[in-house]
């Protein structure tokens, strides 16, 4: 019993230390691509707020394109068998999982 408890404590300690490490592994593959697409989408929403009359059509098109890309990557991740992953917190404080 003490061996199991010691292994659990050691495992939790290692998880804590890896969390503190600034060089933690970054997601790769479809997860990283989806996170990048989400950031692009948020930037496109922000750009739409500041678009002038000459650029409004482009801003709308870009917003729609980035949204479609993000949604497409979510479908692709689902097809690959990924159920959920934790993304960085969104601007409004809600986290996407």
N, C-alpha and C. Protein backbone atom coordinates (compact mmCIF):
# COMPACT_ATOMS: atom_id res chain seq x y z
N UNK A 1 0.82 -1.19 0.00
CA UNK A 1 0.00 0.00 0.00
C UNK A 1 0.87 1.25 0.00
N UNK A 2 1.94 1.23 0.78
CA UNK A 2 2.81 2.41 0.83
C UNK A 2 3.55 2.61 -0.48
N UNK A 3 3.82 1.51 -1.19
CA UNK A 3 4.47 1.63 -2.50
C UNK A 3 3.56 2.34 -3.49
N UNK A 4 2.27 1.99 -3.47
CA UNK A 4 1.32 2.64 -4.36
C UNK A 4 1.19 4.12 -4.04
N UNK A 5 1.14 4.44 -2.76
CA UNK A 5 1.02 5.83 -2.33
C UNK A 5 2.28 6.61 -2.73
N UNK A 6 3.44 6.00 -2.56
CA UNK A 6 4.68 6.67 -2.92
C UNK A 6 4.75 6.90 -4.43
N UNK A 7 4.31 5.93 -5.23
CA UNK A 7 4.30 6.10 -6.68
C UNK A 7 3.33 7.20 -7.09
N UNK A 8 2.18 7.26 -6.43
CA UNK A 8 1.20 8.30 -6.74
C UNK A 8 1.75 9.68 -6.42
N UNK A 9 2.39 9.82 -5.27
CA UNK A 9 2.96 11.11 -4.89
C UNK A 9 4.07 11.50 -5.86
N UNK A 10 4.91 10.54 -6.23
CA UNK A 10 5.98 10.82 -7.18
C UNK A 10 5.41 11.25 -8.53
N UNK A 11 4.36 10.56 -8.97
CA UNK A 11 3.73 10.92 -10.25
C UNK A 11 3.13 12.33 -10.19
N UNK A 12 2.43 12.64 -9.10
CA UNK A 12 1.84 13.97 -8.97
C UNK A 12 2.92 15.05 -8.91
N UNK A 13 4.02 14.76 -8.25
CA UNK A 13 5.13 15.71 -8.17
C UNK A 13 5.71 15.96 -9.57
N UNK A 14 5.89 14.89 -10.36
CA UNK A 14 6.42 15.04 -11.71
C UNK A 14 5.46 15.82 -12.61
N UNK A 15 4.18 15.60 -12.45
CA UNK A 15 3.19 16.35 -13.22
C UNK A 15 3.26 17.83 -12.84
N UNK A 16 3.38 18.11 -11.56
CA UNK A 16 3.48 19.50 -11.10
C UNK A 16 4.74 20.16 -11.64
N UNK A 17 5.87 19.46 -11.60
CA UNK A 17 7.12 20.03 -12.10
C UNK A 17 7.06 20.26 -13.61
N UNK A 18 6.44 19.36 -14.33
CA UNK A 18 6.32 19.56 -15.78
C UNK A 18 5.39 20.73 -16.09
N UNK A 19 4.41 20.96 -15.24
CA UNK A 19 3.52 22.10 -15.43
C UNK A 19 4.27 23.41 -15.23
N UNK A 20 5.21 23.43 -14.29
CA UNK A 20 5.99 24.63 -14.04
C UNK A 20 7.03 24.90 -15.12
N UNK A 21 7.41 23.89 -15.85
CA UNK A 21 8.44 24.02 -16.86
C UNK A 21 7.96 24.90 -18.01
N UNK A 22 8.68 25.99 -18.31
CA UNK A 22 8.24 26.86 -19.42
C UNK A 22 8.43 26.23 -20.79
N UNK A 23 9.20 25.16 -20.86
CA UNK A 23 9.45 24.49 -22.14
C UNK A 23 8.56 23.27 -22.31
N UNK A 24 7.36 23.35 -21.74
CA UNK A 24 6.43 22.23 -21.89
C UNK A 24 6.19 21.94 -23.36
N UNK A 25 5.87 20.70 -23.63
CA UNK A 25 5.61 20.32 -25.01
C UNK A 25 4.38 21.07 -25.52
N UNK A 26 4.52 21.62 -26.67
CA UNK A 26 3.39 22.30 -27.31
C UNK A 26 2.64 21.26 -28.14
N UNK A 27 1.35 21.44 -28.30
CA UNK A 27 0.60 20.49 -29.12
C UNK A 27 1.10 20.49 -30.56
N UNK A 28 0.95 19.36 -31.19
CA UNK A 28 1.37 19.24 -32.58
C UNK A 28 0.21 18.69 -33.40
N UNK A 29 0.38 18.67 -34.69
CA UNK A 29 -0.61 18.07 -35.57
C UNK A 29 -1.89 18.87 -35.63
N UNK A 30 -3.00 18.16 -35.63
CA UNK A 30 -4.31 18.77 -35.82
C UNK A 30 -4.65 19.71 -34.66
N UNK A 31 -4.20 19.38 -33.45
CA UNK A 31 -4.49 20.23 -32.29
C UNK A 31 -3.81 21.58 -32.45
N UNK A 32 -2.55 21.57 -32.81
CA UNK A 32 -1.83 22.84 -33.00
C UNK A 32 -2.43 23.65 -34.14
N UNK A 33 -2.80 22.96 -35.20
CA UNK A 33 -3.40 23.66 -36.35
C UNK A 33 -4.74 24.28 -35.98
N UNK A 34 -5.53 23.57 -35.17
CA UNK A 34 -6.82 24.11 -34.73
C UNK A 34 -6.63 25.30 -33.80
N UNK A 35 -5.63 25.23 -32.92
CA UNK A 35 -5.37 26.38 -32.04
C UNK A 35 -4.93 27.59 -32.85
N UNK A 36 -4.10 27.36 -33.86
CA UNK A 36 -3.69 28.46 -34.73
C UNK A 36 -4.88 29.03 -35.50
N UNK A 37 -5.75 28.16 -35.97
CA UNK A 37 -6.94 28.61 -36.69
C UNK A 37 -7.85 29.43 -35.77
N UNK A 38 -7.96 29.03 -34.52
CA UNK A 38 -8.76 29.78 -33.56
C UNK A 38 -8.18 31.17 -33.35
N UNK A 39 -6.86 31.26 -33.23
CA UNK A 39 -6.22 32.57 -33.08
C UNK A 39 -6.45 33.44 -34.32
N UNK A 40 -6.35 32.83 -35.50
CA UNK A 40 -6.60 33.58 -36.74
C UNK A 40 -8.03 34.10 -36.77
N UNK A 41 -8.97 33.27 -36.32
CA UNK A 41 -10.38 33.65 -36.31
C UNK A 41 -10.60 34.83 -35.36
N UNK A 42 -9.99 34.76 -34.18
CA UNK A 42 -10.13 35.87 -33.23
C UNK A 42 -9.53 37.15 -33.78
N UNK A 43 -8.40 37.04 -34.48
CA UNK A 43 -7.80 38.22 -35.09
C UNK A 43 -8.68 38.79 -36.20
N UNK A 44 -9.32 37.91 -36.95
CA UNK A 44 -10.22 38.37 -38.01
C UNK A 44 -11.44 39.08 -37.43
N UNK A 45 -11.95 38.58 -36.30
CA UNK A 45 -13.08 39.27 -35.65
C UNK A 45 -12.66 40.65 -35.18
N UNK A 46 -11.45 40.74 -34.65
CA UNK A 46 -10.95 42.02 -34.19
C UNK A 46 -10.73 42.97 -35.37
N UNK A 47 -10.21 42.46 -36.48
CA UNK A 47 -9.97 43.30 -37.66
C UNK A 47 -11.28 43.83 -38.24
N UNK A 48 -12.33 43.04 -38.13
CA UNK A 48 -13.63 43.49 -38.63
C UNK A 48 -14.12 44.72 -37.86
N UNK A 49 -13.81 44.76 -36.58
CA UNK A 49 -14.23 45.91 -35.77
C UNK A 49 -13.56 47.20 -36.21
N UNK A 50 -12.37 47.09 -36.82
CA UNK A 50 -11.61 48.29 -37.20
C UNK A 50 -11.55 48.50 -38.71
N UNK A 51 -12.32 47.75 -39.47
CA UNK A 51 -12.28 47.88 -40.93
C UNK A 51 -12.98 49.16 -41.36
N UNK A 52 -12.36 49.86 -42.32
CA UNK A 52 -13.01 51.05 -42.86
C UNK A 52 -13.87 50.65 -44.07
N UNK A 53 -14.49 51.63 -44.70
CA UNK A 53 -15.44 51.36 -45.78
C UNK A 53 -14.81 50.60 -46.95
N UNK A 54 -13.54 50.88 -47.26
CA UNK A 54 -12.89 50.21 -48.39
C UNK A 54 -12.56 48.75 -48.07
N UNK A 55 -12.36 48.44 -46.81
CA UNK A 55 -11.88 47.11 -46.43
C UNK A 55 -12.96 46.23 -45.79
N UNK A 56 -14.18 46.72 -45.67
CA UNK A 56 -15.21 45.97 -44.96
C UNK A 56 -15.53 44.64 -45.66
N UNK A 57 -15.58 44.66 -47.00
CA UNK A 57 -15.88 43.42 -47.73
C UNK A 57 -14.79 42.38 -47.50
N UNK A 58 -13.54 42.83 -47.56
CA UNK A 58 -12.43 41.91 -47.32
C UNK A 58 -12.48 41.38 -45.89
N UNK A 59 -12.74 42.23 -44.92
CA UNK A 59 -12.78 41.82 -43.52
C UNK A 59 -13.87 40.77 -43.28
N UNK A 60 -15.02 40.96 -43.91
CA UNK A 60 -16.11 39.99 -43.76
C UNK A 60 -15.73 38.66 -44.40
N UNK A 61 -15.16 38.73 -45.60
CA UNK A 61 -14.74 37.51 -46.29
C UNK A 61 -13.68 36.77 -45.46
N UNK A 62 -12.72 37.51 -44.94
CA UNK A 62 -11.65 36.91 -44.14
C UNK A 62 -12.20 36.28 -42.86
N UNK A 63 -13.15 36.95 -42.22
CA UNK A 63 -13.77 36.41 -41.02
C UNK A 63 -14.49 35.10 -41.33
N UNK A 64 -15.26 35.08 -42.40
CA UNK A 64 -15.97 33.85 -42.79
C UNK A 64 -15.00 32.73 -43.13
N UNK A 65 -13.90 33.06 -43.82
CA UNK A 65 -12.92 32.04 -44.21
C UNK A 65 -12.23 31.45 -42.99
N UNK A 66 -11.85 32.29 -42.04
CA UNK A 66 -11.16 31.77 -40.86
C UNK A 66 -12.10 30.94 -40.00
N UNK A 67 -13.36 31.34 -39.92
CA UNK A 67 -14.34 30.56 -39.17
C UNK A 67 -14.51 29.18 -39.81
N UNK A 68 -14.65 29.14 -41.13
CA UNK A 68 -14.83 27.86 -41.84
C UNK A 68 -13.61 26.97 -41.66
N UNK A 69 -12.42 27.57 -41.68
CA UNK A 69 -11.20 26.78 -41.49
C UNK A 69 -11.18 26.14 -40.11
N UNK A 70 -11.51 26.91 -39.08
CA UNK A 70 -11.52 26.39 -37.72
C UNK A 70 -12.54 25.27 -37.57
N UNK A 71 -13.74 25.47 -38.08
CA UNK A 71 -14.78 24.45 -37.99
C UNK A 71 -14.37 23.20 -38.77
N UNK A 72 -13.78 23.40 -39.92
CA UNK A 72 -13.31 22.26 -40.71
C UNK A 72 -12.25 21.45 -39.97
N UNK A 73 -11.36 22.13 -39.28
CA UNK A 73 -10.34 21.42 -38.51
C UNK A 73 -10.95 20.68 -37.32
N UNK A 74 -12.00 21.24 -36.75
CA UNK A 74 -12.68 20.52 -35.66
C UNK A 74 -13.31 19.23 -36.18
N UNK A 75 -13.92 19.29 -37.37
CA UNK A 75 -14.48 18.08 -37.97
C UNK A 75 -13.39 17.06 -38.28
N UNK A 76 -12.27 17.57 -38.80
CA UNK A 76 -11.15 16.69 -39.12
C UNK A 76 -10.60 16.02 -37.85
N UNK A 77 -10.54 16.76 -36.76
CA UNK A 77 -10.08 16.20 -35.49
C UNK A 77 -11.05 15.14 -34.99
N UNK A 78 -12.33 15.39 -35.15
CA UNK A 78 -13.33 14.40 -34.73
C UNK A 78 -13.19 13.12 -35.53
N UNK A 79 -12.97 13.26 -36.84
CA UNK A 79 -12.78 12.08 -37.69
C UNK A 79 -11.52 11.31 -37.31
N UNK A 80 -10.51 12.02 -36.79
CA UNK A 80 -9.27 11.37 -36.38
C UNK A 80 -9.41 10.71 -35.02
N UNK A 81 -10.55 10.87 -34.38
CA UNK A 81 -10.79 10.22 -33.10
C UNK A 81 -10.53 11.08 -31.89
N UNK A 82 -10.20 12.34 -32.08
CA UNK A 82 -9.99 13.24 -30.94
C UNK A 82 -11.35 13.68 -30.42
N UNK A 83 -11.52 13.59 -29.12
CA UNK A 83 -12.79 13.98 -28.51
C UNK A 83 -12.76 15.44 -28.08
N UNK A 84 -11.73 15.82 -27.35
CA UNK A 84 -11.64 17.19 -26.84
C UNK A 84 -10.21 17.45 -26.41
N UNK A 85 -9.85 18.71 -26.42
CA UNK A 85 -8.58 19.13 -25.87
C UNK A 85 -8.76 20.51 -25.33
N UNK A 86 -7.88 20.88 -24.43
CA UNK A 86 -7.99 22.18 -23.78
C UNK A 86 -7.19 23.20 -24.56
N UNK A 87 -7.84 24.28 -24.94
CA UNK A 87 -7.19 25.37 -25.64
C UNK A 87 -6.95 26.50 -24.66
N UNK A 88 -6.14 27.45 -25.06
CA UNK A 88 -5.92 28.63 -24.23
C UNK A 88 -7.24 29.34 -24.02
N UNK A 89 -7.31 30.11 -22.96
CA UNK A 89 -8.56 30.80 -22.67
C UNK A 89 -8.87 31.82 -23.75
N UNK A 90 -10.13 31.92 -24.07
CA UNK A 90 -10.56 32.88 -25.08
C UNK A 90 -10.63 34.25 -24.44
N UNK A 91 -10.84 35.26 -25.25
CA UNK A 91 -10.83 36.64 -24.78
C UNK A 91 -11.92 36.92 -23.75
N UNK A 92 -13.05 36.28 -23.88
CA UNK A 92 -14.13 36.56 -22.95
C UNK A 92 -14.03 35.75 -21.67
N UNK A 93 -12.96 34.99 -21.50
CA UNK A 93 -12.75 34.25 -20.26
C UNK A 93 -13.26 32.84 -20.29
N UNK A 94 -13.97 32.44 -21.33
CA UNK A 94 -14.45 31.05 -21.43
C UNK A 94 -13.36 30.22 -22.07
N UNK A 95 -13.15 29.03 -21.54
CA UNK A 95 -12.15 28.17 -22.16
C UNK A 95 -12.84 27.21 -23.11
N UNK A 96 -12.16 26.86 -24.16
CA UNK A 96 -12.68 25.94 -25.15
C UNK A 96 -12.08 24.59 -24.86
N UNK A 97 -12.94 23.57 -24.71
CA UNK A 97 -12.43 22.22 -24.51
C UNK A 97 -13.13 21.28 -25.44
